Each structure stands twice: as C-alpha cells, then as structure tokens.
C-alpha cells in the first residue's frame, strides 16, 4: 500500500473499496447478499452514511 498522503482521491476510494471487498470475502456473507445477509453489515452502513449529502 502506498502512502495515503501521496494518493489522489480516486486512488483512496479504490483502496477503500479493495479493503471493503477483502472484508466481505472474509465474512462470506456476500454469497447470500440477495437474501439480505449484508443489510446490517457494518461496512455497508458506513458506505451509506458517507454517501448521504
């Protein structure tokens, strides 16, 4: 991982997305996301909060 102070905002977003995807793979709940397994996921909730205007 590169120094975050030297990364552009697009690179930081990509890095965050990669970290989140890694956590989803560790949890394994993403396989049942269509059944609502990820509805209360900590990472999904943080993403929604950060996207709110």
Protein backbone atom coordinates (compact mmCIF):
# COMPACT_ATOMS: atom_id res chain seq x y z
CA UNK A 1 0.00 0.00 0.00
CA UNK A 2 1.25 3.45 -0.90
CA UNK A 3 1.48 6.40 1.46
CA UNK A 4 -2.10 7.78 1.72
CA UNK A 5 -0.83 11.36 1.81
CA UNK A 6 0.55 10.92 -1.71
CA UNK A 7 -2.55 9.27 -3.21
CA UNK A 8 -5.24 11.02 -5.23
CA UNK A 9 -8.84 10.87 -4.06
CA UNK A 10 -9.67 8.32 -6.78
CA UNK A 11 -6.82 6.10 -5.58
CA UNK A 12 -8.02 6.40 -1.98
CA UNK A 13 -11.56 5.42 -2.98
CA UNK A 14 -10.20 2.43 -4.90
CA UNK A 15 -8.06 1.39 -1.90
CA UNK A 16 -11.08 1.67 0.44
CA UNK A 17 -13.19 -0.40 -1.96
CA UNK A 18 -10.48 -3.07 -2.12
CA UNK A 19 -10.28 -3.24 1.68
CA UNK A 20 -14.06 -3.50 1.97
CA UNK A 21 -14.14 -6.27 -0.64
CA UNK A 22 -11.48 -8.16 1.30
CA UNK A 23 -13.59 -7.96 4.46
CA UNK A 24 -16.66 -9.19 2.57
CA UNK A 25 -14.70 -12.19 1.34
CA UNK A 26 -13.54 -12.97 4.90
CA UNK A 27 -17.12 -12.76 6.21
CA UNK A 28 -18.57 -14.81 3.39
CA UNK A 29 -21.97 -13.17 3.73
CA UNK A 30 -21.74 -11.65 0.26
CA UNK A 31 -22.72 -15.04 -1.16
CA UNK A 32 -26.18 -14.54 0.38
CA UNK A 33 -26.44 -10.78 -0.21
CA UNK A 34 -29.52 -11.33 -2.37
CA UNK A 35 -31.22 -12.81 0.72
CA UNK A 36 -30.48 -9.70 2.79
CA UNK A 37 -27.44 -11.08 4.58
CA UNK A 38 -25.49 -7.83 4.06
CA UNK A 39 -28.31 -5.44 5.05
CA UNK A 40 -26.90 -4.88 8.55
CA UNK A 41 -23.27 -5.10 7.52
CA UNK A 42 -21.05 -2.56 9.26
CA UNK A 43 -19.22 -1.73 6.02
CA UNK A 44 -22.42 -1.26 4.02
CA UNK A 45 -23.88 1.02 6.72
CA UNK A 46 -20.73 3.18 6.75
CA UNK A 47 -20.85 3.44 2.97
CA UNK A 48 -24.48 4.66 3.10
CA UNK A 49 -23.66 7.20 5.84
CA UNK A 50 -20.72 8.61 3.89
CA UNK A 51 -22.80 8.90 0.70
CA UNK A 52 -25.58 10.93 2.37
CA UNK A 53 -25.47 14.66 1.47
